[in-house]
Amino acid sequence: DGAFVDWSGNCGNLSAAVGPFAIA
């Protein structure tokens, strides 16, 4: 509901999708 994106940390769950995306 706010007009901002928080870039201050990681998402550990989505980290699992980074490798598959990078390969594909």
PDBML (XML) file of the C-alpha atoms, coordinates in Angstrom:
<?xml version="1.0" encoding="UTF-8" ?>
<PDBx:datablock datablockName="MODEL"
   xmlns:PDBx="http://pdbml.pdb.org/schema/pdbx-v50.xsd"
   xmlns:xsi="http://www.w3.org/2001/XMLSchema-instance"
   xsi:schemaLocation="http://pdbml.pdb.org/schema/pdbx-v50.xsd pdbx-v50.xsd">
   <PDBx:atom_siteCategory>
      <PDBx:atom_site id="1">
         <PDBx:B_iso_or_equiv>0.00</PDBx:B_iso_or_equiv>
         <PDBx:Cartn_x>0.000</PDBx:Cartn_x>
         <PDBx:Cartn_y>0.000</PDBx:Cartn_y>
         <PDBx:Cartn_z>0.000</PDBx:Cartn_z>
         <PDBx:auth_asym_id>A</PDBx:auth_asym_id>
         <PDBx:auth_atom_id>CA</PDBx:auth_atom_id>
         <PDBx:auth_comp_id>ASP</PDBx:auth_comp_id>
         <PDBx:auth_seq_id>1</PDBx:auth_seq_id>
         <PDBx:group_PDB>ATOM</PDBx:group_PDB>
         <PDBx:label_alt_id xsi:nil="true" />
         <PDBx:label_asym_id>A</PDBx:label_asym_id>
         <PDBx:label_atom_id>CA</PDBx:label_atom_id>
         <PDBx:label_comp_id>ASP</PDBx:label_comp_id>
         <PDBx:label_entity_id>1</PDBx:label_entity_id>
         <PDBx:label_seq_id>1</PDBx:label_seq_id>
         <PDBx:occupancy>1.00</PDBx:occupancy>
         <PDBx:pdbx_PDB_model_num>1</PDBx:pdbx_PDB_model_num>
         <PDBx:type_symbol>C</PDBx:type_symbol>
      </PDBx:atom_site>
      <PDBx:atom_site id="2">
         <PDBx:B_iso_or_equiv>0.00</PDBx:B_iso_or_equiv>
         <PDBx:Cartn_x>3.046</PDBx:Cartn_x>
         <PDBx:Cartn_y>2.294</PDBx:Cartn_y>
         <PDBx:Cartn_z>-0.037</PDBx:Cartn_z>
         <PDBx:auth_asym_id>A</PDBx:auth_asym_id>
         <PDBx:auth_atom_id>CA</PDBx:auth_atom_id>
         <PDBx:auth_comp_id>GLY</PDBx:auth_comp_id>
         <PDBx:auth_seq_id>2</PDBx:auth_seq_id>
         <PDBx:group_PDB>ATOM</PDBx:group_PDB>
         <PDBx:label_alt_id xsi:nil="true" />
         <PDBx:label_asym_id>A</PDBx:label_asym_id>
         <PDBx:label_atom_id>CA</PDBx:label_atom_id>
         <PDBx:label_comp_id>GLY</PDBx:label_comp_id>
         <PDBx:label_entity_id>1</PDBx:label_entity_id>
         <PDBx:label_seq_id>2</PDBx:label_seq_id>
         <PDBx:occupancy>1.00</PDBx:occupancy>
         <PDBx:pdbx_PDB_model_num>1</PDBx:pdbx_PDB_model_num>
         <PDBx:type_symbol>C</PDBx:type_symbol>
      </PDBx:atom_site>
      <PDBx:atom_site id="3">
         <PDBx:B_iso_or_equiv>0.00</PDBx:B_iso_or_equiv>
         <PDBx:Cartn_x>4.981</PDBx:Cartn_x>
         <PDBx:Cartn_y>3.790</PDBx:Cartn_y>
         <PDBx:Cartn_z>-2.937</PDBx:Cartn_z>
         <PDBx:auth_asym_id>A</PDBx:auth_asym_id>
         <PDBx:auth_atom_id>CA</PDBx:auth_atom_id>
         <PDBx:auth_comp_id>ALA</PDBx:auth_comp_id>
         <PDBx:auth_seq_id>3</PDBx:auth_seq_id>
         <PDBx:group_PDB>ATOM</PDBx:group_PDB>
         <PDBx:label_alt_id xsi:nil="true" />
         <PDBx:label_asym_id>A</PDBx:label_asym_id>
         <PDBx:label_atom_id>CA</PDBx:label_atom_id>
         <PDBx:label_comp_id>ALA</PDBx:label_comp_id>
         <PDBx:label_entity_id>1</PDBx:label_entity_id>
         <PDBx:label_seq_id>3</PDBx:label_seq_id>
         <PDBx:occupancy>1.00</PDBx:occupancy>
         <PDBx:pdbx_PDB_model_num>1</PDBx:pdbx_PDB_model_num>
         <PDBx:type_symbol>C</PDBx:type_symbol>
      </PDBx:atom_site>
      <PDBx:atom_site id="4">
         <PDBx:B_iso_or_equiv>0.00</PDBx:B_iso_or_equiv>
         <PDBx:Cartn_x>8.371</PDBx:Cartn_x>
         <PDBx:Cartn_y>2.253</PDBx:Cartn_y>
         <PDBx:Cartn_z>-2.204</PDBx:Cartn_z>
         <PDBx:auth_asym_id>A</PDBx:auth_asym_id>
         <PDBx:auth_atom_id>CA</PDBx:auth_atom_id>
         <PDBx:auth_comp_id>PHE</PDBx:auth_comp_id>
         <PDBx:auth_seq_id>4</PDBx:auth_seq_id>
         <PDBx:group_PDB>ATOM</PDBx:group_PDB>
         <PDBx:label_alt_id xsi:nil="true" />
         <PDBx:label_asym_id>A</PDBx:label_asym_id>
         <PDBx:label_atom_id>CA</PDBx:label_atom_id>
         <PDBx:label_comp_id>PHE</PDBx:label_comp_id>
         <PDBx:label_entity_id>1</PDBx:label_entity_id>
         <PDBx:label_seq_id>4</PDBx:label_seq_id>
         <PDBx:occupancy>1.00</PDBx:occupancy>
         <PDBx:pdbx_PDB_model_num>1</PDBx:pdbx_PDB_model_num>
         <PDBx:type_symbol>C</PDBx:type_symbol>
      </PDBx:atom_site>
      <PDBx:atom_site id="5">
         <PDBx:B_iso_or_equiv>0.00</PDBx:B_iso_or_equiv>
         <PDBx:Cartn_x>10.502</PDBx:Cartn_x>
         <PDBx:Cartn_y>-0.797</PDBx:Cartn_y>
         <PDBx:Cartn_z>-2.867</PDBx:Cartn_z>
         <PDBx:auth_asym_id>A</PDBx:auth_asym_id>
         <PDBx:auth_atom_id>CA</PDBx:auth_atom_id>
         <PDBx:auth_comp_id>VAL</PDBx:auth_comp_id>
         <PDBx:auth_seq_id>5</PDBx:auth_seq_id>
         <PDBx:group_PDB>ATOM</PDBx:group_PDB>
         <PDBx:label_alt_id xsi:nil="true" />
         <PDBx:label_asym_id>A</PDBx:label_asym_id>
         <PDBx:label_atom_id>CA</PDBx:label_atom_id>
         <PDBx:label_comp_id>VAL</PDBx:label_comp_id>
         <PDBx:label_entity_id>1</PDBx:label_entity_id>
         <PDBx:label_seq_id>5</PDBx:label_seq_id>
         <PDBx:occupancy>1.00</PDBx:occupancy>
         <PDBx:pdbx_PDB_model_num>1</PDBx:pdbx_PDB_model_num>
         <PDBx:type_symbol>C</PDBx:type_symbol>
      </PDBx:atom_site>
      <PDBx:atom_site id="6">
         <PDBx:B_iso_or_equiv>0.00</PDBx:B_iso_or_equiv>
         <PDBx:Cartn_x>12.693</PDBx:Cartn_x>
         <PDBx:Cartn_y>-2.073</PDBx:Cartn_y>
         <PDBx:Cartn_z>-0.028</PDBx:Cartn_z>
         <PDBx:auth_asym_id>A</PDBx:auth_asym_id>
         <PDBx:auth_atom_id>CA</PDBx:auth_atom_id>
         <PDBx:auth_comp_id>ASP</PDBx:auth_comp_id>
         <PDBx:auth_seq_id>6</PDBx:auth_seq_id>
         <PDBx:group_PDB>ATOM</PDBx:group_PDB>
         <PDBx:label_alt_id xsi:nil="true" />
         <PDBx:label_asym_id>A</PDBx:label_asym_id>
         <PDBx:label_atom_id>CA</PDBx:label_atom_id>
         <PDBx:label_comp_id>ASP</PDBx:label_comp_id>
         <PDBx:label_entity_id>1</PDBx:label_entity_id>
         <PDBx:label_seq_id>6</PDBx:label_seq_id>
         <PDBx:occupancy>1.00</PDBx:occupancy>
         <PDBx:pdbx_PDB_model_num>1</PDBx:pdbx_PDB_model_num>
         <PDBx:type_symbol>C</PDBx:type_symbol>
      </PDBx:atom_site>
      <PDBx:atom_site id="7">
         <PDBx:B_iso_or_equiv>0.00</PDBx:B_iso_or_equiv>
         <PDBx:Cartn_x>16.100</PDBx:Cartn_x>
         <PDBx:Cartn_y>-3.192</PDBx:Cartn_y>
         <PDBx:Cartn_z>-1.308</PDBx:Cartn_z>
         <PDBx:auth_asym_id>A</PDBx:auth_asym_id>
         <PDBx:auth_atom_id>CA</PDBx:auth_atom_id>
         <PDBx:auth_comp_id>TRP</PDBx:auth_comp_id>
         <PDBx:auth_seq_id>7</PDBx:auth_seq_id>
         <PDBx:group_PDB>ATOM</PDBx:group_PDB>
         <PDBx:label_alt_id xsi:nil="true" />
         <PDBx:label_asym_id>A</PDBx:label_asym_id>
         <PDBx:label_atom_id>CA</PDBx:label_atom_id>
         <PDBx:label_comp_id>TRP</PDBx:label_comp_id>
         <PDBx:label_entity_id>1</PDBx:label_entity_id>
         <PDBx:label_seq_id>7</PDBx:label_seq_id>
         <PDBx:occupancy>1.00</PDBx:occupancy>
         <PDBx:pdbx_PDB_model_num>1</PDBx:pdbx_PDB_model_num>
         <PDBx:type_symbol>C</PDBx:type_symbol>
      </PDBx:atom_site>
      <PDBx:atom_site id="8">
         <PDBx:B_iso_or_equiv>0.00</PDBx:B_iso_or_equiv>
         <PDBx:Cartn_x>17.636</PDBx:Cartn_x>
         <PDBx:Cartn_y>-3.613</PDBx:Cartn_y>
         <PDBx:Cartn_z>2.161</PDBx:Cartn_z>
         <PDBx:auth_asym_id>A</PDBx:auth_asym_id>
         <PDBx:auth_atom_id>CA</PDBx:auth_atom_id>
         <PDBx:auth_comp_id>SER</PDBx:auth_comp_id>
         <PDBx:auth_seq_id>8</PDBx:auth_seq_id>
         <PDBx:group_PDB>ATOM</PDBx:group_PDB>
         <PDBx:label_alt_id xsi:nil="true" />
         <PDBx:label_asym_id>A</PDBx:label_asym_id>
         <PDBx:label_atom_id>CA</PDBx:label_atom_id>
         <PDBx:label_comp_id>SER</PDBx:label_comp_id>
         <PDBx:label_entity_id>1</PDBx:label_entity_id>
         <PDBx:label_seq_id>8</PDBx:label_seq_id>
         <PDBx:occupancy>1.00</PDBx:occupancy>
         <PDBx:pdbx_PDB_model_num>1</PDBx:pdbx_PDB_model_num>
         <PDBx:type_symbol>C</PDBx:type_symbol>
      </PDBx:atom_site>
      <PDBx:atom_site id="9">
         <PDBx:B_iso_or_equiv>0.00</PDBx:B_iso_or_equiv>
         <PDBx:Cartn_x>17.666</PDBx:Cartn_x>
         <PDBx:Cartn_y>-7.410</PDBx:Cartn_y>
         <PDBx:Cartn_z>2.390</PDBx:Cartn_z>
         <PDBx:auth_asym_id>A</PDBx:auth_asym_id>
         <PDBx:auth_atom_id>CA</PDBx:auth_atom_id>
         <PDBx:auth_comp_id>GLY</PDBx:auth_comp_id>
         <PDBx:auth_seq_id>9</PDBx:auth_seq_id>
         <PDBx:group_PDB>ATOM</PDBx:group_PDB>
         <PDBx:label_alt_id xsi:nil="true" />
         <PDBx:label_asym_id>A</PDBx:label_asym_id>
         <PDBx:label_atom_id>CA</PDBx:label_atom_id>
         <PDBx:label_comp_id>GLY</PDBx:label_comp_id>
         <PDBx:label_entity_id>1</PDBx:label_entity_id>
         <PDBx:label_seq_id>9</PDBx:label_seq_id>
         <PDBx:occupancy>1.00</PDBx:occupancy>
         <PDBx:pdbx_PDB_model_num>1</PDBx:pdbx_PDB_model_num>
         <PDBx:type_symbol>C</PDBx:type_symbol>
      </PDBx:atom_site>
      <PDBx:atom_site id="10">
         <PDBx:B_iso_or_equiv>0.00</PDBx:B_iso_or_equiv>
         <PDBx:Cartn_x>17.547</PDBx:Cartn_x>
         <PDBx:Cartn_y>-10.763</PDBx:Cartn_y>
         <PDBx:Cartn_z>0.656</PDBx:Cartn_z>
         <PDBx:auth_asym_id>A</PDBx:auth_asym_id>
         <PDBx:auth_atom_id>CA</PDBx:auth_atom_id>
         <PDBx:auth_comp_id>ASN</PDBx:auth_comp_id>
         <PDBx:auth_seq_id>10</PDBx:auth_seq_id>
         <PDBx:group_PDB>ATOM</PDBx:group_PDB>
         <PDBx:label_alt_id xsi:nil="true" />
         <PDBx:label_asym_id>A</PDBx:label_asym_id>
         <PDBx:label_atom_id>CA</PDBx:label_atom_id>
         <PDBx:label_comp_id>ASN</PDBx:label_comp_id>
         <PDBx:label_entity_id>1</PDBx:label_entity_id>
         <PDBx:label_seq_id>10</PDBx:label_seq_id>
         <PDBx:occupancy>1.00</PDBx:occupancy>
         <PDBx:pdbx_PDB_model_num>1</PDBx:pdbx_PDB_model_num>
         <PDBx:type_symbol>C</PDBx:type_symbol>
      </PDBx:atom_site>
      <PDBx:atom_site id="11">
         <PDBx:B_iso_or_equiv>0.00</PDBx:B_iso_or_equiv>
         <PDBx:Cartn_x>14.691</PDBx:Cartn_x>
         <PDBx:Cartn_y>-13.199</PDBx:Cartn_y>
         <PDBx:Cartn_z>0.076</PDBx:Cartn_z>
         <PDBx:auth_asym_id>A</PDBx:auth_asym_id>
         <PDBx:auth_atom_id>CA</PDBx:auth_atom_id>
         <PDBx:auth_comp_id>CYS</PDBx:auth_comp_id>
         <PDBx:auth_seq_id>11</PDBx:auth_seq_id>
         <PDBx:group_PDB>ATOM</PDBx:group_PDB>
         <PDBx:label_alt_id xsi:nil="true" />
         <PDBx:label_asym_id>A</PDBx:label_asym_id>
         <PDBx:label_atom_id>CA</PDBx:label_atom_id>
         <PDBx:label_comp_id>CYS</PDBx:label_comp_id>
         <PDBx:label_entity_id>1</PDBx:label_entity_id>
         <PDBx:label_seq_id>11</PDBx:label_seq_id>
         <PDBx:occupancy>1.00</PDBx:occupancy>
         <PDBx:pdbx_PDB_model_num>1</PDBx:pdbx_PDB_model_num>
         <PDBx:type_symbol>C</PDBx:type_symbol>
      </PDBx:atom_site>
      <PDBx:atom_site id="12">
         <PDBx:B_iso_or_equiv>0.00</PDBx:B_iso_or_equiv>
         <PDBx:Cartn_x>15.923</PDBx:Cartn_x>
         <PDBx:Cartn_y>-16.625</PDBx:Cartn_y>
         <PDBx:Cartn_z>1.115</PDBx:Cartn_z>
         <PDBx:auth_asym_id>A</PDBx:auth_asym_id>
         <PDBx:auth_atom_id>CA</PDBx:auth_atom_id>
         <PDBx:auth_comp_id>GLY</PDBx:auth_comp_id>
         <PDBx:auth_seq_id>12</PDBx:auth_seq_id>
         <PDBx:group_PDB>ATOM</PDBx:group_PDB>
         <PDBx:label_alt_id xsi:nil="true" />
         <PDBx:label_asym_id>A</PDBx:label_asym_id>
         <PDBx:label_atom_id>CA</PDBx:label_atom_id>
         <PDBx:label_comp_id>GLY</PDBx:label_comp_id>
         <PDBx:label_entity_id>1</PDBx:label_entity_id>
         <PDBx:label_seq_id>12</PDBx:label_seq_id>
         <PDBx:occupancy>1.00</PDBx:occupancy>
         <PDBx:pdbx_PDB_model_num>1</PDBx:pdbx_PDB_model_num>
         <PDBx:type_symbol>C</PDBx:type_symbol>
      </PDBx:atom_site>
      <PDBx:atom_site id="13">
         <PDBx:B_iso_or_equiv>0.00</PDBx:B_iso_or_equiv>
         <PDBx:Cartn_x>12.978</PDBx:Cartn_x>
         <PDBx:Cartn_y>-18.416</PDBx:Cartn_y>
         <PDBx:Cartn_z>-0.465</PDBx:Cartn_z>
         <PDBx:auth_asym_id>A</PDBx:auth_asym_id>
         <PDBx:auth_atom_id>CA</PDBx:auth_atom_id>
         <PDBx:auth_comp_id>ASN</PDBx:auth_comp_id>
         <PDBx:auth_seq_id>13</PDBx:auth_seq_id>
         <PDBx:group_PDB>ATOM</PDBx:group_PDB>
         <PDBx:label_alt_id xsi:nil="true" />
         <PDBx:label_asym_id>A</PDBx:label_asym_id>
         <PDBx:label_atom_id>CA</PDBx:label_atom_id>
         <PDBx:label_comp_id>ASN</PDBx:label_comp_id>
         <PDBx:label_entity_id>1</PDBx:label_entity_id>
         <PDBx:label_seq_id>13</PDBx:label_seq_id>
         <PDBx:occupancy>1.00</PDBx:occupancy>
         <PDBx:pdbx_PDB_model_num>1</PDBx:pdbx_PDB_model_num>
         <PDBx:type_symbol>C</PDBx:type_symbol>
      </PDBx:atom_site>
      <PDBx:atom_site id="14">
         <PDBx:B_iso_or_equiv>0.00</PDBx:B_iso_or_equiv>
         <PDBx:Cartn_x>13.387</PDBx:Cartn_x>
         <PDBx:Cartn_y>-16.816</PDBx:Cartn_y>
         <PDBx:Cartn_z>-3.886</PDBx:Cartn_z>
         <PDBx:auth_asym_id>A</PDBx:auth_asym_id>
         <PDBx:auth_atom_id>CA</PDBx:auth_atom_id>
         <PDBx:auth_comp_id>LEU</PDBx:auth_comp_id>
         <PDBx:auth_seq_id>14</PDBx:auth_seq_id>
         <PDBx:group_PDB>ATOM</PDBx:group_PDB>
         <PDBx:label_alt_id xsi:nil="true" />
         <PDBx:label_asym_id>A</PDBx:label_asym_id>
         <PDBx:label_atom_id>CA</PDBx:label_atom_id>
         <PDBx:label_comp_id>LEU</PDBx:label_comp_id>
         <PDBx:label_entity_id>1</PDBx:label_entity_id>
         <PDBx:label_seq_id>14</PDBx:label_seq_id>
         <PDBx:occupancy>1.00</PDBx:occupancy>
         <PDBx:pdbx_PDB_model_num>1</PDBx:pdbx_PDB_model_num>
         <PDBx:type_symbol>C</PDBx:type_symbol>
      </PDBx:atom_site>
      <PDBx:atom_site id="15">
         <PDBx:B_iso_or_equiv>0.00</PDBx:B_iso_or_equiv>
         <PDBx:Cartn_x>17.122</PDBx:Cartn_x>
         <PDBx:Cartn_y>-17.573</PDBx:Cartn_y>
         <PDBx:Cartn_z>-3.651</PDBx:Cartn_z>
         <PDBx:auth_asym_id>A</PDBx:auth_asym_id>
         <PDBx:auth_atom_id>CA</PDBx:auth_atom_id>
         <PDBx:auth_comp_id>SER</PDBx:auth_comp_id>
         <PDBx:auth_seq_id>15</PDBx:auth_seq_id>
         <PDBx:group_PDB>ATOM</PDBx:group_PDB>
         <PDBx:label_alt_id xsi:nil="true" />
         <PDBx:label_asym_id>A</PDBx:label_asym_id>
         <PDBx:label_atom_id>CA</PDBx:label_atom_id>
         <PDBx:label_comp_id>SER</PDBx:label_comp_id>
         <PDBx:label_entity_id>1</PDBx:label_entity_id>
         <PDBx:label_seq_id>15</PDBx:label_seq_id>
         <PDBx:occupancy>1.00</PDBx:occupancy>
         <PDBx:pdbx_PDB_model_num>1</PDBx:pdbx_PDB_model_num>
         <PDBx:type_symbol>C</PDBx:type_symbol>
      </PDBx:atom_site>
      <PDBx:atom_site id="16">
         <PDBx:B_iso_or_equiv>0.00</PDBx:B_iso_or_equiv>
         <PDBx:Cartn_x>16.103</PDBx:Cartn_x>
         <PDBx:Cartn_y>-21.126</PDBx:Cartn_y>
         <PDBx:Cartn_z>-4.612</PDBx:Cartn_z>
         <PDBx:auth_asym_id>A</PDBx:auth_asym_id>
         <PDBx:auth_atom_id>CA</PDBx:auth_atom_id>
         <PDBx:auth_comp_id>ALA</PDBx:auth_comp_id>
         <PDBx:auth_seq_id>16</PDBx:auth_seq_id>
         <PDBx:group_PDB>ATOM</PDBx:group_PDB>
         <PDBx:label_alt_id xsi:nil="true" />
         <PDBx:label_asym_id>A</PDBx:label_asym_id>
         <PDBx:label_atom_id>CA</PDBx:label_atom_id>
         <PDBx:label_comp_id>ALA</PDBx:label_comp_id>
         <PDBx:label_entity_id>1</PDBx:label_entity_id>
         <PDBx:label_seq_id>16</PDBx:label_seq_id>
         <PDBx:occupancy>1.00</PDBx:occupancy>
         <PDBx:pdbx_PDB_model_num>1</PDBx:pdbx_PDB_model_num>
         <PDBx:type_symbol>C</PDBx:type_symbol>
      </PDBx:atom_site>
      <PDBx:atom_site id="17">
         <PDBx:B_iso_or_equiv>0.00</PDBx:B_iso_or_equiv>
         <PDBx:Cartn_x>14.783</PDBx:Cartn_x>
         <PDBx:Cartn_y>-19.881</PDBx:Cartn_y>
         <PDBx:Cartn_z>-7.965</PDBx:Cartn_z>
         <PDBx:auth_asym_id>A</PDBx:auth_asym_id>
         <PDBx:auth_atom_id>CA</PDBx:auth_atom_id>
         <PDBx:auth_comp_id>ALA</PDBx:auth_comp_id>
         <PDBx:auth_seq_id>17</PDBx:auth_seq_id>
         <PDBx:group_PDB>ATOM</PDBx:group_PDB>
         <PDBx:label_alt_id xsi:nil="true" />
         <PDBx:label_asym_id>A</PDBx:label_asym_id>
         <PDBx:label_atom_id>CA</PDBx:label_atom_id>
         <PDBx:label_comp_id>ALA</PDBx:label_comp_id>
         <PDBx:label_entity_id>1</PDBx:label_entity_id>
         <PDBx:label_seq_id>17</PDBx:label_seq_id>
         <PDBx:occupancy>1.00</PDBx:occupancy>
         <PDBx:pdbx_PDB_model_num>1</PDBx:pdbx_PDB_model_num>
         <PDBx:type_symbol>C</PDBx:type_symbol>
      </PDBx:atom_site>
      <PDBx:atom_site id="18">
         <PDBx:B_iso_or_equiv>0.00</PDBx:B_iso_or_equiv>
         <PDBx:Cartn_x>17.859</PDBx:Cartn_x>
         <PDBx:Cartn_y>-17.816</PDBx:Cartn_y>
         <PDBx:Cartn_z>-8.862</PDBx:Cartn_z>
         <PDBx:auth_asym_id>A</PDBx:auth_asym_id>
         <PDBx:auth_atom_id>CA</PDBx:auth_atom_id>
         <PDBx:auth_comp_id>VAL</PDBx:auth_comp_id>
         <PDBx:auth_seq_id>18</PDBx:auth_seq_id>
         <PDBx:group_PDB>ATOM</PDBx:group_PDB>
         <PDBx:label_alt_id xsi:nil="true" />
         <PDBx:label_asym_id>A</PDBx:label_asym_id>
         <PDBx:label_atom_id>CA</PDBx:label_atom_id>
         <PDBx:label_comp_id>VAL</PDBx:label_comp_id>
         <PDBx:label_entity_id>1</PDBx:label_entity_id>
         <PDBx:label_seq_id>18</PDBx:label_seq_id>
         <PDBx:occupancy>1.00</PDBx:occupancy>
         <PDBx:pdbx_PDB_model_num>1</PDBx:pdbx_PDB_model_num>
         <PDBx:type_symbol>C</PDBx:type_symbol>
      </PDBx:atom_site>
      <PDBx:atom_site id="19">
         <PDBx:B_iso_or_equiv>0.00</PDBx:B_iso_or_equiv>
         <PDBx:Cartn_x>19.964</PDBx:Cartn_x>
         <PDBx:Cartn_y>-20.766</PDBx:Cartn_y>
         <PDBx:Cartn_z>-10.016</PDBx:Cartn_z>
         <PDBx:auth_asym_id>A</PDBx:auth_asym_id>
         <PDBx:auth_atom_id>CA</PDBx:auth_atom_id>
         <PDBx:auth_comp_id>GLY</PDBx:auth_comp_id>
         <PDBx:auth_seq_id>19</PDBx:auth_seq_id>
         <PDBx:group_PDB>ATOM</PDBx:group_PDB>
         <PDBx:label_alt_id xsi:nil="true" />
         <PDBx:label_asym_id>A</PDBx:label_asym_id>
         <PDBx:label_atom_id>CA</PDBx:label_atom_id>
         <PDBx:label_comp_id>GLY</PDBx:label_comp_id>
         <PDBx:label_entity_id>1</PDBx:label_entity_id>
         <PDBx:label_seq_id>19</PDBx:label_seq_id>
         <PDBx:occupancy>1.00</PDBx:occupancy>
         <PDBx:pdbx_PDB_model_num>1</PDBx:pdbx_PDB_model_num>
         <PDBx:type_symbol>C</PDBx:type_symbol>
      </PDBx:atom_site>
      <PDBx:atom_site id="20">
         <PDBx:B_iso_or_equiv>0.00</PDBx:B_iso_or_equiv>
         <PDBx:Cartn_x>17.228</PDBx:Cartn_x>
         <PDBx:Cartn_y>-22.321</PDBx:Cartn_y>
         <PDBx:Cartn_z>-12.174</PDBx:Cartn_z>
         <PDBx:auth_asym_id>A</PDBx:auth_asym_id>
         <PDBx:auth_atom_id>CA</PDBx:auth_atom_id>
         <PDBx:auth_comp_id>PRO</PDBx:auth_comp_id>
         <PDBx:auth_seq_id>20</PDBx:auth_seq_id>
         <PDBx:group_PDB>ATOM</PDBx:group_PDB>
         <PDBx:label_alt_id xsi:nil="true" />
         <PDBx:label_asym_id>A</PDBx:label_asym_id>
         <PDBx:label_atom_id>CA</PDBx:label_atom_id>
         <PDBx:label_comp_id>PRO</PDBx:label_comp_id>
         <PDBx:label_entity_id>1</PDBx:label_entity_id>
         <PDBx:label_seq_id>20</PDBx:label_seq_id>
         <PDBx:occupancy>1.00</PDBx:occupancy>
         <PDBx:pdbx_PDB_model_num>1</PDBx:pdbx_PDB_model_num>
         <PDBx:type_symbol>C</PDBx:type_symbol>
      </PDBx:atom_site>
      <PDBx:atom_site id="21">
         <PDBx:B_iso_or_equiv>0.00</PDBx:B_iso_or_equiv>
         <PDBx:Cartn_x>16.429</PDBx:Cartn_x>
         <PDBx:Cartn_y>-18.941</PDBx:Cartn_y>
         <PDBx:Cartn_z>-13.758</PDBx:Cartn_z>
         <PDBx:auth_asym_id>A</PDBx:auth_asym_id>
         <PDBx:auth_atom_id>CA</PDBx:auth_atom_id>
         <PDBx:auth_comp_id>PHE</PDBx:auth_comp_id>
         <PDBx:auth_seq_id>21</PDBx:auth_seq_id>
         <PDBx:group_PDB>ATOM</PDBx:group_PDB>
         <PDBx:label_alt_id xsi:nil="true" />
         <PDBx:label_asym_id>A</PDBx:label_asym_id>
         <PDBx:label_atom_id>CA</PDBx:label_atom_id>
         <PDBx:label_comp_id>PHE</PDBx:label_comp_id>
         <PDBx:label_entity_id>1</PDBx:label_entity_id>
         <PDBx:label_seq_id>21</PDBx:label_seq_id>
         <PDBx:occupancy>1.00</PDBx:occupancy>
         <PDBx:pdbx_PDB_model_num>1</PDBx:pdbx_PDB_model_num>
         <PDBx:type_symbol>C</PDBx:type_symbol>
      </PDBx:atom_site>
      <PDBx:atom_site id="22">
         <PDBx:B_iso_or_equiv>0.00</PDBx:B_iso_or_equiv>
         <PDBx:Cartn_x>20.106</PDBx:Cartn_x>
         <PDBx:Cartn_y>-18.213</PDBx:Cartn_y>
         <PDBx:Cartn_z>-14.404</PDBx:Cartn_z>
         <PDBx:auth_asym_id>A</PDBx:auth_asym_id>
         <PDBx:auth_atom_id>CA</PDBx:auth_atom_id>
         <PDBx:auth_comp_id>ALA</PDBx:auth_comp_id>
         <PDBx:auth_seq_id>22</PDBx:auth_seq_id>
         <PDBx:group_PDB>ATOM</PDBx:group_PDB>
         <PDBx:label_alt_id xsi:nil="true" />
         <PDBx:label_asym_id>A</PDBx:label_asym_id>
         <PDBx:label_atom_id>CA</PDBx:label_atom_id>
         <PDBx:label_comp_id>ALA</PDBx:label_comp_id>
         <PDBx:label_entity_id>1</PDBx:label_entity_id>
         <PDBx:label_seq_id>22</PDBx:label_seq_id>
         <PDBx:occupancy>1.00</PDBx:occupancy>
         <PDBx:pdbx_PDB_model_num>1</PDBx:pdbx_PDB_model_num>
         <PDBx:type_symbol>C</PDBx:type_symbol>
      </PDBx:atom_site>
      <PDBx:atom_site id="23">
         <PDBx:B_iso_or_equiv>0.00</PDBx:B_iso_or_equiv>
         <PDBx:Cartn_x>20.616</PDBx:Cartn_x>
         <PDBx:Cartn_y>-21.576</PDBx:Cartn_y>
         <PDBx:Cartn_z>-16.114</PDBx:Cartn_z>
         <PDBx:auth_asym_id>A</PDBx:auth_asym_id>
         <PDBx:auth_atom_id>CA</PDBx:auth_atom_id>
         <PDBx:auth_comp_id>ILE</PDBx:auth_comp_id>
         <PDBx:auth_seq_id>23</PDBx:auth_seq_id>
         <PDBx:group_PDB>ATOM</PDBx:group_PDB>
         <PDBx:label_alt_id xsi:nil="true" />
         <PDBx:label_asym_id>A</PDBx:label_asym_id>
         <PDBx:label_atom_id>CA</PDBx:label_atom_id>
         <PDBx:label_comp_id>ILE</PDBx:label_comp_id>
         <PDBx:label_entity_id>1</PDBx:label_entity_id>
         <PDBx:label_seq_id>23</PDBx:label_seq_id>
         <PDBx:occupancy>1.00</PDBx:occupancy>
         <PDBx:pdbx_PDB_model_num>1</PDBx:pdbx_PDB_model_num>
         <PDBx:type_symbol>C</PDBx:type_symbol>
      </PDBx:atom_site>
      <PDBx:atom_site id="24">
         <PDBx:B_iso_or_equiv>0.00</PDBx:B_iso_or_equiv>
         <PDBx:Cartn_x>17.440</PDBx:Cartn_x>
         <PDBx:Cartn_y>-21.360</PDBx:Cartn_y>
         <PDBx:Cartn_z>-18.208</PDBx:Cartn_z>
         <PDBx:auth_asym_id>A</PDBx:auth_asym_id>
         <PDBx:auth_atom_id>CA</PDBx:auth_atom_id>
         <PDBx:auth_comp_id>ALA</PDBx:auth_comp_id>
         <PDBx:auth_seq_id>24</PDBx:auth_seq_id>
         <PDBx:group_PDB>ATOM</PDBx:group_PDB>
         <PDBx:label_alt_id xsi:nil="true" />
         <PDBx:label_asym_id>A</PDBx:label_asym_id>
         <PDBx:label_atom_id>CA</PDBx:label_atom_id>
         <PDBx:label_comp_id>ALA</PDBx:label_comp_id>
         <PDBx:label_entity_id>1</PDBx:label_entity_id>
         <PDBx:label_seq_id>24</PDBx:label_seq_id>
         <PDBx:occupancy>1.00</PDBx:occupancy>
         <PDBx:pdbx_PDB_model_num>1</PDBx:pdbx_PDB_model_num>
         <PDBx:type_symbol>C</PDBx:type_symbol>
      </PDBx:atom_site>
   </PDBx:atom_siteCategory>
</PDBx:datablock>
